Amino acid sequence: MLTSSLPGMPKQIAPFLMFTGDAEQAMTFYTSLVDDGRIVDITRYGPEGPGAEGTVQRARFSLAGQEFLCTDSPPVHDFSFTPSFSVWIETESEEEIQRLFAALADGGTQLMPLDDYGFSRRFGWVNDRYGVSWQLNLA
């Protein structure tokens, strides 16, 4: 996340993920994958709506120092996540890339299985069970 206090500069820039009911489950899953993963804050819809009571109105979570924002959108849209935007993960070990890839692929879709693609000796691309796209690379 980029933050600035300079005049004319954005205050914050962060990826924003829009779910339709499983934002909290996704955040819990993602933060369980990395040692420093944590949910920073959650604001929930109340009985007055517009979202279903208890779902995520807005939340922040952090993975390896990168903050993400997310929500549970009250309306269902004709779109979802697309691989044209993905989260990049650089790992230090073969064991770590295999563990993360397996966890993210569980219930999801492998777009590129872990392999040597020439541009990387070990790379994989997956859409997780929530539809979010992840690229994993061994440093």
N, C-alpha and C. Protein backbone atom coordinates (compact mmCIF):
# COMPACT_ATOMS: atom_id res chain seq x y z
N MET A 1 0.84 -1.16 0.00
CA MET A 1 0.00 0.00 0.00
C MET A 1 0.88 1.23 0.00
N LEU A 2 0.53 2.20 -0.81
CA LEU A 2 1.26 3.46 -0.88
C LEU A 2 0.48 4.50 -0.10
N THR A 3 1.15 5.22 0.77
CA THR A 3 0.51 6.33 1.49
C THR A 3 1.39 7.55 1.34
N SER A 4 0.75 8.73 1.36
CA SER A 4 1.49 9.98 1.19
C SER A 4 0.77 11.08 1.93
N SER A 5 1.55 12.05 2.41
CA SER A 5 0.96 13.22 3.03
C SER A 5 1.30 14.48 2.22
N LEU A 6 1.88 14.31 1.02
CA LEU A 6 2.20 15.45 0.18
C LEU A 6 0.94 16.02 -0.45
N PRO A 7 0.84 17.34 -0.56
CA PRO A 7 -0.33 17.92 -1.22
C PRO A 7 -0.43 17.45 -2.67
N GLY A 8 -1.64 17.13 -3.09
CA GLY A 8 -1.86 16.70 -4.45
C GLY A 8 -1.55 15.23 -4.70
N MET A 9 -1.06 14.54 -3.68
CA MET A 9 -0.75 13.11 -3.83
C MET A 9 -1.89 12.30 -3.22
N PRO A 10 -2.16 11.10 -3.78
CA PRO A 10 -3.18 10.25 -3.18
C PRO A 10 -2.81 9.92 -1.74
N LYS A 11 -3.83 9.80 -0.91
CA LYS A 11 -3.59 9.42 0.49
C LYS A 11 -3.28 7.93 0.60
N GLN A 12 -3.93 7.13 -0.24
CA GLN A 12 -3.74 5.68 -0.16
C GLN A 12 -3.99 5.05 -1.52
N ILE A 13 -3.20 4.03 -1.85
CA ILE A 13 -3.43 3.20 -3.03
C ILE A 13 -3.30 1.76 -2.57
N ALA A 14 -4.35 0.96 -2.78
CA ALA A 14 -4.33 -0.44 -2.36
C ALA A 14 -5.27 -1.25 -3.25
N PRO A 15 -4.97 -2.53 -3.47
CA PRO A 15 -5.91 -3.39 -4.18
C PRO A 15 -7.23 -3.49 -3.41
N PHE A 16 -8.34 -3.51 -4.12
CA PHE A 16 -9.67 -3.60 -3.52
C PHE A 16 -10.39 -4.79 -4.14
N LEU A 17 -10.78 -5.75 -3.30
CA LEU A 17 -11.43 -6.98 -3.76
C LEU A 17 -12.91 -6.95 -3.39
N MET A 18 -13.77 -7.17 -4.37
CA MET A 18 -15.21 -7.14 -4.14
C MET A 18 -15.78 -8.56 -4.20
N PHE A 19 -16.29 -9.01 -3.06
CA PHE A 19 -16.91 -10.32 -2.95
C PHE A 19 -18.42 -10.15 -2.87
N THR A 20 -19.14 -11.25 -2.89
CA THR A 20 -20.60 -11.20 -2.76
C THR A 20 -21.06 -12.12 -1.64
N GLY A 21 -20.42 -12.00 -0.47
CA GLY A 21 -20.85 -12.78 0.69
C GLY A 21 -19.75 -13.55 1.38
N ASP A 22 -18.58 -13.70 0.74
CA ASP A 22 -17.54 -14.48 1.40
C ASP A 22 -16.24 -13.71 1.62
N ALA A 23 -16.34 -12.40 1.77
CA ALA A 23 -15.15 -11.58 2.01
C ALA A 23 -14.43 -12.02 3.29
N GLU A 24 -15.17 -12.24 4.36
CA GLU A 24 -14.52 -12.61 5.62
C GLU A 24 -13.84 -13.98 5.53
N GLN A 25 -14.50 -14.94 4.89
CA GLN A 25 -13.89 -16.26 4.72
C GLN A 25 -12.63 -16.14 3.87
N ALA A 26 -12.67 -15.34 2.81
CA ALA A 26 -11.49 -15.17 1.95
C ALA A 26 -10.35 -14.53 2.74
N MET A 27 -10.64 -13.45 3.49
CA MET A 27 -9.60 -12.80 4.29
C MET A 27 -8.98 -13.76 5.29
N THR A 28 -9.81 -14.53 5.95
CA THR A 28 -9.32 -15.50 6.94
C THR A 28 -8.42 -16.53 6.28
N PHE A 29 -8.83 -17.00 5.12
CA PHE A 29 -8.02 -17.96 4.36
C PHE A 29 -6.69 -17.34 3.95
N TYR A 30 -6.73 -16.16 3.33
CA TYR A 30 -5.49 -15.53 2.85
C TYR A 30 -4.53 -15.23 4.00
N THR A 31 -5.05 -14.70 5.10
CA THR A 31 -4.16 -14.35 6.22
C THR A 31 -3.58 -15.59 6.90
N SER A 32 -4.23 -16.74 6.75
CA SER A 32 -3.70 -17.98 7.32
C SER A 32 -2.51 -18.52 6.52
N LEU A 33 -2.33 -18.04 5.30
CA LEU A 33 -1.29 -18.57 4.43
C LEU A 33 0.10 -18.01 4.70
N VAL A 34 0.17 -16.82 5.28
CA VAL A 34 1.47 -16.19 5.53
C VAL A 34 1.62 -15.86 7.00
N ASP A 35 2.86 -15.95 7.50
CA ASP A 35 3.12 -15.77 8.93
C ASP A 35 2.64 -14.43 9.46
N ASP A 36 2.82 -13.35 8.69
CA ASP A 36 2.43 -12.03 9.19
C ASP A 36 1.05 -11.60 8.71
N GLY A 37 0.30 -12.51 8.10
CA GLY A 37 -1.04 -12.18 7.62
C GLY A 37 -1.95 -11.81 8.77
N ARG A 38 -2.72 -10.73 8.57
CA ARG A 38 -3.65 -10.33 9.63
C ARG A 38 -4.79 -9.51 9.07
N ILE A 39 -5.93 -9.64 9.70
CA ILE A 39 -7.07 -8.78 9.40
C ILE A 39 -6.88 -7.52 10.23
N VAL A 40 -6.81 -6.38 9.57
CA VAL A 40 -6.53 -5.11 10.24
C VAL A 40 -7.80 -4.54 10.87
N ASP A 41 -8.87 -4.47 10.10
CA ASP A 41 -10.15 -4.01 10.64
C ASP A 41 -11.30 -4.44 9.74
N ILE A 42 -12.47 -4.52 10.35
CA ILE A 42 -13.69 -4.91 9.63
C ILE A 42 -14.83 -4.01 10.09
N THR A 43 -15.57 -3.47 9.14
CA THR A 43 -16.83 -2.79 9.41
C THR A 43 -17.90 -3.64 8.75
N ARG A 44 -18.92 -3.99 9.52
CA ARG A 44 -19.98 -4.88 9.01
C ARG A 44 -21.27 -4.10 8.75
N TYR A 45 -22.05 -4.64 7.81
CA TYR A 45 -23.39 -4.08 7.60
C TYR A 45 -24.25 -4.42 8.81
N GLY A 46 -25.05 -3.46 9.23
CA GLY A 46 -25.98 -3.67 10.34
C GLY A 46 -27.35 -4.04 9.81
N PRO A 47 -28.34 -4.06 10.69
CA PRO A 47 -29.70 -4.46 10.28
C PRO A 47 -30.31 -3.49 9.27
N GLU A 48 -29.79 -2.24 9.23
CA GLU A 48 -30.33 -1.26 8.28
C GLU A 48 -29.79 -1.44 6.87
N GLY A 49 -28.80 -2.35 6.67
CA GLY A 49 -28.27 -2.65 5.34
C GLY A 49 -27.28 -1.62 4.85
N PRO A 50 -27.09 -1.47 3.57
CA PRO A 50 -27.84 -2.12 2.49
C PRO A 50 -27.44 -3.57 2.25
N GLY A 51 -26.32 -4.01 2.82
CA GLY A 51 -25.91 -5.41 2.67
C GLY A 51 -26.54 -6.26 3.74
N ALA A 52 -26.40 -7.58 3.57
CA ALA A 52 -26.93 -8.51 4.57
C ALA A 52 -26.23 -8.27 5.90
N GLU A 53 -27.03 -8.22 6.96
CA GLU A 53 -26.50 -7.96 8.29
C GLU A 53 -25.34 -8.91 8.62
N GLY A 54 -24.24 -8.32 9.09
CA GLY A 54 -23.07 -9.09 9.50
C GLY A 54 -22.04 -9.30 8.40
N THR A 55 -22.42 -9.05 7.12
CA THR A 55 -21.43 -9.20 6.06
C THR A 55 -20.51 -7.98 6.05
N VAL A 56 -19.44 -8.08 5.30
CA VAL A 56 -18.38 -7.07 5.32
C VAL A 56 -18.76 -5.85 4.47
N GLN A 57 -18.90 -4.72 5.16
CA GLN A 57 -19.12 -3.46 4.45
C GLN A 57 -17.79 -2.98 3.88
N ARG A 58 -16.76 -3.02 4.73
CA ARG A 58 -15.41 -2.68 4.29
C ARG A 58 -14.44 -3.27 5.29
N ALA A 59 -13.35 -3.83 4.76
CA ALA A 59 -12.33 -4.41 5.63
C ALA A 59 -10.95 -4.19 5.02
N ARG A 60 -9.96 -4.25 5.90
CA ARG A 60 -8.56 -4.20 5.49
C ARG A 60 -7.85 -5.42 6.04
N PHE A 61 -7.02 -6.03 5.20
CA PHE A 61 -6.17 -7.11 5.67
C PHE A 61 -4.79 -6.93 5.06
N SER A 62 -3.81 -7.58 5.69
CA SER A 62 -2.42 -7.39 5.29
C SER A 62 -1.75 -8.74 5.06
N LEU A 63 -0.99 -8.84 3.96
CA LEU A 63 -0.22 -10.02 3.62
C LEU A 63 1.19 -9.57 3.26
N ALA A 64 2.18 -10.02 4.01
CA ALA A 64 3.58 -9.68 3.76
C ALA A 64 3.77 -8.16 3.62
N GLY A 65 3.05 -7.41 4.46
CA GLY A 65 3.19 -5.96 4.45
C GLY A 65 2.33 -5.23 3.43
N GLN A 66 1.67 -5.95 2.53
CA GLN A 66 0.80 -5.34 1.52
C GLN A 66 -0.63 -5.32 2.05
N GLU A 67 -1.21 -4.13 2.14
CA GLU A 67 -2.60 -4.04 2.58
C GLU A 67 -3.55 -4.17 1.40
N PHE A 68 -4.66 -4.84 1.67
CA PHE A 68 -5.75 -5.02 0.72
C PHE A 68 -7.02 -4.49 1.38
N LEU A 69 -7.93 -4.00 0.58
CA LEU A 69 -9.27 -3.63 1.04
C LEU A 69 -10.24 -4.62 0.41
N CYS A 70 -11.37 -4.84 1.07
CA CYS A 70 -12.38 -5.70 0.47
C CYS A 70 -13.76 -5.37 1.01
N THR A 71 -14.75 -5.89 0.33
CA THR A 71 -16.15 -5.68 0.69
C THR A 71 -16.98 -6.87 0.24
N ASP A 72 -18.17 -6.99 0.81
CA ASP A 72 -19.22 -7.85 0.28
C ASP A 72 -20.21 -6.93 -0.40
N SER A 73 -20.28 -6.97 -1.70
CA SER A 73 -21.16 -6.10 -2.46
C SER A 73 -22.61 -6.54 -2.28
N PRO A 74 -23.50 -5.63 -1.87
CA PRO A 74 -24.91 -6.01 -1.75
C PRO A 74 -25.53 -6.45 -3.09
N PRO A 75 -25.33 -5.69 -4.19
CA PRO A 75 -25.90 -6.19 -5.45
C PRO A 75 -25.00 -7.25 -6.07
N VAL A 76 -25.61 -8.21 -6.74
CA VAL A 76 -24.86 -9.20 -7.50
C VAL A 76 -24.66 -8.61 -8.89
N HIS A 77 -23.42 -8.60 -9.34
CA HIS A 77 -23.08 -7.99 -10.63
C HIS A 77 -22.90 -9.07 -11.69
N ASP A 78 -22.86 -8.63 -12.95
CA ASP A 78 -22.61 -9.54 -14.06
C ASP A 78 -21.12 -9.80 -14.26
N PHE A 79 -20.30 -9.41 -13.30
CA PHE A 79 -18.86 -9.63 -13.41
C PHE A 79 -18.32 -10.16 -12.10
N SER A 80 -17.13 -10.69 -12.16
CA SER A 80 -16.43 -11.19 -10.98
C SER A 80 -14.97 -10.86 -11.16
N PHE A 81 -14.11 -11.58 -10.47
CA PHE A 81 -12.68 -11.40 -10.62
C PHE A 81 -12.24 -11.93 -11.98
N THR A 82 -11.14 -11.39 -12.47
CA THR A 82 -10.58 -11.84 -13.73
C THR A 82 -9.06 -11.99 -13.59
N PRO A 83 -8.46 -12.94 -14.29
CA PRO A 83 -7.01 -13.10 -14.21
C PRO A 83 -6.22 -11.91 -14.78
N SER A 84 -6.90 -10.98 -15.43
CA SER A 84 -6.17 -9.82 -15.95
C SER A 84 -5.62 -8.95 -14.82
N PHE A 85 -6.13 -9.15 -13.60
CA PHE A 85 -5.55 -8.57 -12.39
C PHE A 85 -5.26 -9.72 -11.45
N SER A 86 -4.01 -9.83 -11.02
CA SER A 86 -3.65 -10.94 -10.13
C SER A 86 -2.74 -10.44 -9.03
N VAL A 87 -2.64 -11.24 -7.99
CA VAL A 87 -1.74 -10.95 -6.87
C VAL A 87 -0.46 -11.76 -7.12
N TRP A 88 0.67 -11.09 -7.07
CA TRP A 88 1.97 -11.72 -7.31
C TRP A 88 2.60 -12.11 -5.98
N ILE A 89 3.06 -13.35 -5.89
CA ILE A 89 3.75 -13.83 -4.70
C ILE A 89 5.13 -14.34 -5.12
N GLU A 90 6.15 -13.79 -4.52
CA GLU A 90 7.52 -14.23 -4.75
C GLU A 90 7.95 -15.03 -3.53
N THR A 91 8.36 -16.27 -3.74
CA THR A 91 8.76 -17.12 -2.62
C THR A 91 10.28 -17.36 -2.64
N GLU A 92 10.79 -17.76 -1.49
CA GLU A 92 12.23 -18.01 -1.36
C GLU A 92 12.57 -19.49 -1.49
N SER A 93 11.57 -20.38 -1.33
CA SER A 93 11.89 -21.81 -1.34
C SER A 93 10.87 -22.60 -2.16
N GLU A 94 11.34 -23.73 -2.65
CA GLU A 94 10.50 -24.66 -3.40
C GLU A 94 9.34 -25.15 -2.53
N GLU A 95 9.62 -25.43 -1.27
CA GLU A 95 8.58 -25.92 -0.36
C GLU A 95 7.48 -24.88 -0.18
N GLU A 96 7.87 -23.63 -0.04
CA GLU A 96 6.90 -22.55 0.17
C GLU A 96 6.02 -22.34 -1.06
N ILE A 97 6.60 -22.35 -2.26
CA ILE A 97 5.78 -22.15 -3.46
C ILE A 97 4.81 -23.32 -3.64
N GLN A 98 5.27 -24.53 -3.36
CA GLN A 98 4.39 -25.69 -3.46
C GLN A 98 3.24 -25.63 -2.46
N ARG A 99 3.55 -25.23 -1.22
CA ARG A 99 2.52 -25.13 -0.17
C ARG A 99 1.47 -24.10 -0.53
N LEU A 100 1.93 -22.91 -0.94
CA LEU A 100 1.00 -21.84 -1.30
C LEU A 100 0.17 -22.19 -2.53
N PHE A 101 0.82 -22.75 -3.54
CA PHE A 101 0.10 -23.12 -4.76
C PHE A 101 -0.98 -24.14 -4.46
N ALA A 102 -0.64 -25.17 -3.68
CA ALA A 102 -1.61 -26.21 -3.33
C ALA A 102 -2.79 -25.62 -2.57
N ALA A 103 -2.51 -24.74 -1.61
CA ALA A 103 -3.58 -24.13 -0.81
C ALA A 103 -4.48 -23.26 -1.68
N LEU A 104 -3.90 -22.44 -2.53
CA LEU A 104 -4.68 -21.54 -3.36
C LEU A 104 -5.43 -22.29 -4.46
N ALA A 105 -4.88 -23.38 -4.95
CA ALA A 105 -5.52 -24.17 -6.01
C ALA A 105 -6.65 -25.05 -5.47
N ASP A 106 -6.64 -25.34 -4.16
CA ASP A 106 -7.66 -26.20 -3.57
C ASP A 106 -9.04 -25.55 -3.72
N GLY A 107 -9.88 -26.15 -4.53
CA GLY A 107 -11.21 -25.60 -4.79
C GLY A 107 -11.21 -24.54 -5.87
N GLY A 108 -10.05 -24.26 -6.43
CA GLY A 108 -9.92 -23.25 -7.48
C GLY A 108 -9.58 -23.87 -8.82
N THR A 109 -8.92 -23.08 -9.67
CA THR A 109 -8.58 -23.52 -11.02
C THR A 109 -7.12 -23.20 -11.31
N GLN A 110 -6.38 -24.19 -11.74
CA GLN A 110 -5.00 -23.96 -12.15
C GLN A 110 -5.00 -23.36 -13.55
N LEU A 111 -4.41 -22.18 -13.69
CA LEU A 111 -4.27 -21.56 -15.00
C LEU A 111 -2.96 -21.99 -15.65
N MET A 112 -1.91 -22.06 -14.85
CA MET A 112 -0.60 -22.56 -15.27
C MET A 112 -0.03 -23.37 -14.12
N PRO A 113 0.09 -24.69 -14.26
CA PRO A 113 0.63 -25.50 -13.17
C PRO A 113 2.07 -25.09 -12.86
N LEU A 114 2.51 -25.40 -11.66
CA LEU A 114 3.90 -25.10 -11.29
C LEU A 114 4.83 -25.80 -12.26
N ASP A 115 5.73 -25.00 -12.87
CA ASP A 115 6.65 -25.57 -13.85
C ASP A 115 7.73 -24.55 -14.18
N ASP A 116 8.67 -24.96 -15.00
CA ASP A 116 9.72 -24.09 -15.55
C ASP A 116 9.19 -23.60 -16.90
N TYR A 117 8.94 -22.30 -17.00
CA TYR A 117 8.39 -21.72 -18.23
C TYR A 117 9.43 -20.89 -18.99
N GLY A 118 10.69 -21.01 -18.63
CA GLY A 118 11.73 -20.26 -19.31
C GLY A 118 11.98 -18.90 -18.68
N PHE A 119 10.92 -18.14 -18.47
CA PHE A 119 11.06 -16.83 -17.81
C PHE A 119 11.23 -17.00 -16.31
N SER A 120 10.93 -18.19 -15.81
CA SER A 120 11.08 -18.51 -14.39
C SER A 120 11.33 -20.00 -14.26
N ARG A 121 12.23 -20.38 -13.36
CA ARG A 121 12.49 -21.81 -13.19
C ARG A 121 11.35 -22.51 -12.46
N ARG A 122 10.53 -21.74 -11.73
CA ARG A 122 9.37 -22.31 -11.02
C ARG A 122 8.30 -21.24 -10.91
N PHE A 123 7.21 -21.43 -11.63
CA PHE A 123 6.13 -20.45 -11.70
C PHE A 123 4.81 -21.19 -11.79
N GLY A 124 3.77 -20.62 -11.18
CA GLY A 124 2.42 -21.15 -11.31
C GLY A 124 1.40 -20.04 -11.20
N TRP A 125 0.23 -20.26 -11.78
CA TRP A 125 -0.83 -19.26 -11.78
C TRP A 125 -2.14 -19.98 -11.48
N VAL A 126 -2.91 -19.44 -10.55
CA VAL A 126 -4.13 -20.12 -10.12
C VAL A 126 -5.22 -19.09 -9.80
N ASN A 127 -6.46 -19.45 -10.06
CA ASN A 127 -7.62 -18.72 -9.53
C ASN A 127 -8.08 -19.50 -8.31
N ASP A 128 -8.16 -18.84 -7.15
CA ASP A 128 -8.54 -19.55 -5.94
C ASP A 128 -10.04 -19.82 -5.89
N ARG A 129 -10.49 -20.45 -4.81
CA ARG A 129 -11.90 -20.83 -4.67
C ARG A 129 -12.85 -19.63 -4.65
N TYR A 130 -12.32 -18.43 -4.41
CA TYR A 130 -13.13 -17.21 -4.41
C TYR A 130 -13.06 -16.47 -5.74
N GLY A 131 -12.23 -16.97 -6.66
CA GLY A 131 -12.09 -16.37 -7.97
C GLY A 131 -10.93 -15.40 -8.11
N VAL A 132 -10.20 -15.14 -7.02
CA VAL A 132 -9.06 -14.22 -7.07
C VAL A 132 -7.88 -14.93 -7.73
N SER A 133 -7.20 -14.22 -8.61
CA SER A 133 -6.09 -14.77 -9.37
C SER A 133 -4.75 -14.49 -8.68
N TRP A 134 -3.89 -15.53 -8.61
CA TRP A 134 -2.59 -15.44 -7.94
C TRP A 134 -1.51 -15.98 -8.86
N GLN A 135 -0.41 -15.24 -9.00
CA GLN A 135 0.77 -15.72 -9.70
C GLN A 135 1.85 -15.97 -8.65
N LEU A 136 2.44 -17.15 -8.69
CA LEU A 136 3.47 -17.53 -7.72
C LEU A 136 4.78 -17.78 -8.45
N ASN A 137 5.85 -17.20 -7.92
CA ASN A 137 7.15 -17.31 -8.56
C ASN A 137 8.21 -17.62 -7.52
N LEU A 138 9.09 -18.56 -7.86
CA LEU A 138 10.24 -18.86 -7.01
C LEU A 138 11.35 -17.88 -7.35
N ALA A 139 11.82 -17.13 -6.35
CA ALA A 139 12.85 -16.11 -6.58
C ALA A 139 14.12 -16.75 -7.08
